[in-house]
C-alpha cells in the first residue's frame, strides 16, 4: 500500500489548523488504499522517508526561514535518502506572521536538491488562516494522497 508521510512542525494554533486540514484531506474516505503516516519534524527518520512514496511538509516561517525542526529533519534525511527518493512527489504548507518568502525558498532549495517532484501548489498563509486557506490545505492533503492511489 502506498504511503504518504506528513512531516510537520506545529507549534501554534494557526499551524495546528493547517495541519488538521491537511490531515483531513489526506485521510478523506474517498481516498482508498493509501496509508497516511504523520511525524513531528524532530521525530521523523530516514527510515520514515525511505518507506514513504510521497511527502507532505508543514512548517511555520521563523525569522525568515523554515522552522529549525524542519531544517533538522532535512539535515537528518538528506544524504541517506538522496539517491533513493528522487522523483517522489511532495507538497508543503507554510504559515508566517507576515512573510514566508525565506521559508518557501529554503524548502524549494532542499527538495530540489533531493530531486523530489512538487505535485501540488504550496499553501502559504500569513496571519490567521481563513476559511479559504483551510480549504486549500484540505485540497493539498487530498491531492497528495489521491496521487498515490493504486
Protein backbone atom coordinates (compact mmCIF):
# COMPACT_ATOMS: atom_id res chain seq x y z
CA UNK A 1 0.00 0.00 0.00
CA UNK A 2 1.46 3.42 -0.92
CA UNK A 3 2.37 5.68 1.98
CA UNK A 4 2.10 9.45 2.34
CA UNK A 5 4.43 10.80 5.03
CA UNK A 6 3.34 14.07 6.64
CA UNK A 7 6.27 15.76 8.37
CA UNK A 8 5.26 18.81 10.33
CA UNK A 9 6.25 21.31 12.99
CA UNK A 10 3.07 22.53 14.63
CA UNK A 11 3.90 24.96 17.45
CA UNK A 12 0.92 27.32 17.17
CA UNK A 13 -2.87 27.23 16.83
CA UNK A 14 -2.55 28.58 13.26
CA UNK A 15 -0.15 25.80 12.26
CA UNK A 16 -2.39 23.29 14.04
CA UNK A 17 -5.42 24.40 11.99
CA UNK A 18 -3.45 23.99 8.77
CA UNK A 19 -2.09 20.58 9.83
CA UNK A 20 -5.55 19.31 10.77
CA UNK A 21 -6.95 20.42 7.40
CA UNK A 22 -4.10 18.71 5.52
CA UNK A 23 -4.60 15.53 7.52
CA UNK A 24 -8.37 15.62 6.94
CA UNK A 25 -7.86 15.92 3.19
CA UNK A 26 -5.25 13.16 3.11
CA UNK A 27 -7.48 10.77 5.04
CA UNK A 28 -10.74 11.55 3.23
CA UNK A 29 -12.81 8.33 2.92
CA UNK A 30 -12.85 8.64 -0.89
CA UNK A 31 -9.08 8.12 -0.93
CA UNK A 32 -8.57 4.39 -0.72
CA UNK A 33 -5.53 2.20 -0.23
CA UNK A 34 -3.17 4.97 0.87
CA UNK A 35 -1.57 4.83 4.29
CA UNK A 36 -1.02 8.23 5.91
CA UNK A 37 1.82 8.46 8.43
CA UNK A 38 2.36 11.65 10.41
CA UNK A 39 5.57 12.53 12.15
CA UNK A 40 6.67 15.57 14.07
CA UNK A 41 9.68 17.01 12.26
CA UNK A 42 12.00 16.28 15.19
CA UNK A 43 10.85 12.63 15.31
CA UNK A 44 10.91 11.77 11.59
CA UNK A 45 13.75 9.48 10.50
CA UNK A 46 15.45 8.48 7.26
CA UNK A 47 13.60 5.15 7.53
CA UNK A 48 10.27 7.02 7.55
CA UNK A 49 11.27 8.83 4.36
CA UNK A 50 12.59 5.72 2.63
CA UNK A 51 9.40 3.77 3.45
CA UNK A 52 7.11 6.52 2.07
CA UNK A 53 6.05 7.09 -1.52
CA UNK A 54 5.24 10.79 -1.17
CA UNK A 55 5.73 13.62 1.30
CA UNK A 56 3.74 16.50 2.73
CA UNK A 57 5.72 19.05 4.74
CA UNK A 58 4.44 21.71 7.12
CA UNK A 59 6.29 24.47 8.92
CA UNK A 60 5.99 27.91 10.38
CA UNK A 61 8.21 30.63 8.95
CA UNK A 62 10.58 31.56 11.77
CA UNK A 63 12.92 34.53 11.47
CA UNK A 64 12.73 34.40 7.69
CA UNK A 65 13.29 30.65 7.30
CA UNK A 66 11.64 27.27 7.80
CA UNK A 67 11.49 26.11 11.41
CA UNK A 68 14.61 24.70 12.97
CA UNK A 69 12.69 21.44 13.43
CA UNK A 70 12.04 21.05 9.69
CA UNK A 71 15.63 22.06 8.91
CA UNK A 72 16.79 19.38 11.37
CA UNK A 73 14.58 16.85 9.57
CA UNK A 74 16.17 17.72 6.24
CA UNK A 75 19.67 17.57 7.77
CA UNK A 76 18.96 14.06 9.09
CA UNK A 77 17.43 12.60 5.92
CA UNK A 78 19.23 14.38 3.08
CA UNK A 79 22.16 12.07 2.39
CA UNK A 80 20.58 8.77 3.50
CA UNK A 81 17.62 9.43 1.16
CA UNK A 82 19.27 11.39 -1.65
CA UNK A 83 19.53 8.74 -4.35
CA UNK A 84 16.62 6.52 -3.34
CA UNK A 85 13.83 9.12 -3.19
CA UNK A 86 14.47 11.09 -6.40
CA UNK A 87 11.30 11.81 -8.35
CA UNK A 88 8.92 11.19 -5.47
CA UNK A 89 6.01 13.64 -5.15
CA UNK A 90 5.78 16.21 -2.40
CA UNK A 91 3.84 19.25 -1.30
CA UNK A 92 4.06 21.70 1.56
CA UNK A 93 2.39 24.40 3.58
CA UNK A 94 3.94 27.33 5.43
CA UNK A 95 2.46 29.69 7.99
CA UNK A 96 4.03 33.04 8.85
CA UNK A 97 3.19 36.10 10.86
CA UNK A 98 3.95 38.46 7.99
CA UNK A 99 6.34 36.83 5.47
CA UNK A 100 7.02 33.29 4.29
CA UNK A 101 9.44 34.03 1.43
CA UNK A 102 12.59 32.69 3.10
CA UNK A 103 10.87 29.53 4.34
CA UNK A 104 9.49 28.81 0.86
CA UNK A 105 12.91 29.40 -0.71
CA UNK A 106 14.55 27.06 1.82
CA UNK A 107 12.08 24.24 1.24
CA UNK A 108 12.30 24.62 -2.54
CA UNK A 109 16.10 24.56 -2.40
CA UNK A 110 16.33 21.40 -0.30
CA UNK A 111 13.63 19.49 -2.17
CA UNK A 112 15.22 20.44 -5.49
CA UNK A 113 18.50 19.03 -4.18
CA UNK A 114 16.71 15.83 -3.18
CA UNK A 115 15.16 15.61 -6.63
CA UNK A 116 11.62 15.49 -5.28
CA UNK A 117 8.79 16.47 -7.65
CA UNK A 118 6.30 19.08 -6.45
CA UNK A 119 2.88 17.50 -7.02
CA UNK A 120 0.71 20.41 -5.84
CA UNK A 121 0.97 24.12 -5.33
CA UNK A 122 2.25 25.15 -1.92
CA UNK A 123 -0.16 26.67 0.56
CA UNK A 124 1.27 29.77 2.20
CA UNK A 125 -0.59 31.78 4.80
CA UNK A 126 0.29 34.89 6.75
CA UNK A 127 -1.79 35.75 9.77
CA UNK A 128 -4.72 33.67 10.89
CA UNK A 129 -5.80 31.07 8.29
CA UNK A 130 -9.21 31.97 6.88
CA UNK A 131 -11.75 29.51 5.51
CA UNK A 132 -10.22 29.62 2.02
CA UNK A 133 -6.74 28.87 3.39
CA UNK A 134 -8.04 25.92 5.41
CA UNK A 135 -9.79 24.62 2.27
CA UNK A 136 -6.54 24.93 0.29
CA UNK A 137 -4.80 22.90 3.00
CA UNK A 138 -7.51 20.23 2.79
CA UNK A 139 -7.07 20.13 -1.00
CA UNK A 140 -3.29 19.87 -0.61
CA UNK A 141 -3.65 16.79 1.62
CA UNK A 142 -6.25 15.21 -0.65
CA UNK A 143 -4.21 15.89 -3.80
CA UNK A 144 -1.04 14.34 -2.43
CA UNK A 145 -2.84 11.27 -1.07
CA UNK A 146 -5.00 10.76 -4.16
CA UNK A 147 -1.91 10.96 -6.35
CA UNK A 148 -0.58 7.86 -4.59
CA UNK A 149 -3.72 5.73 -5.06
CA UNK A 150 -3.16 2.48 -6.95
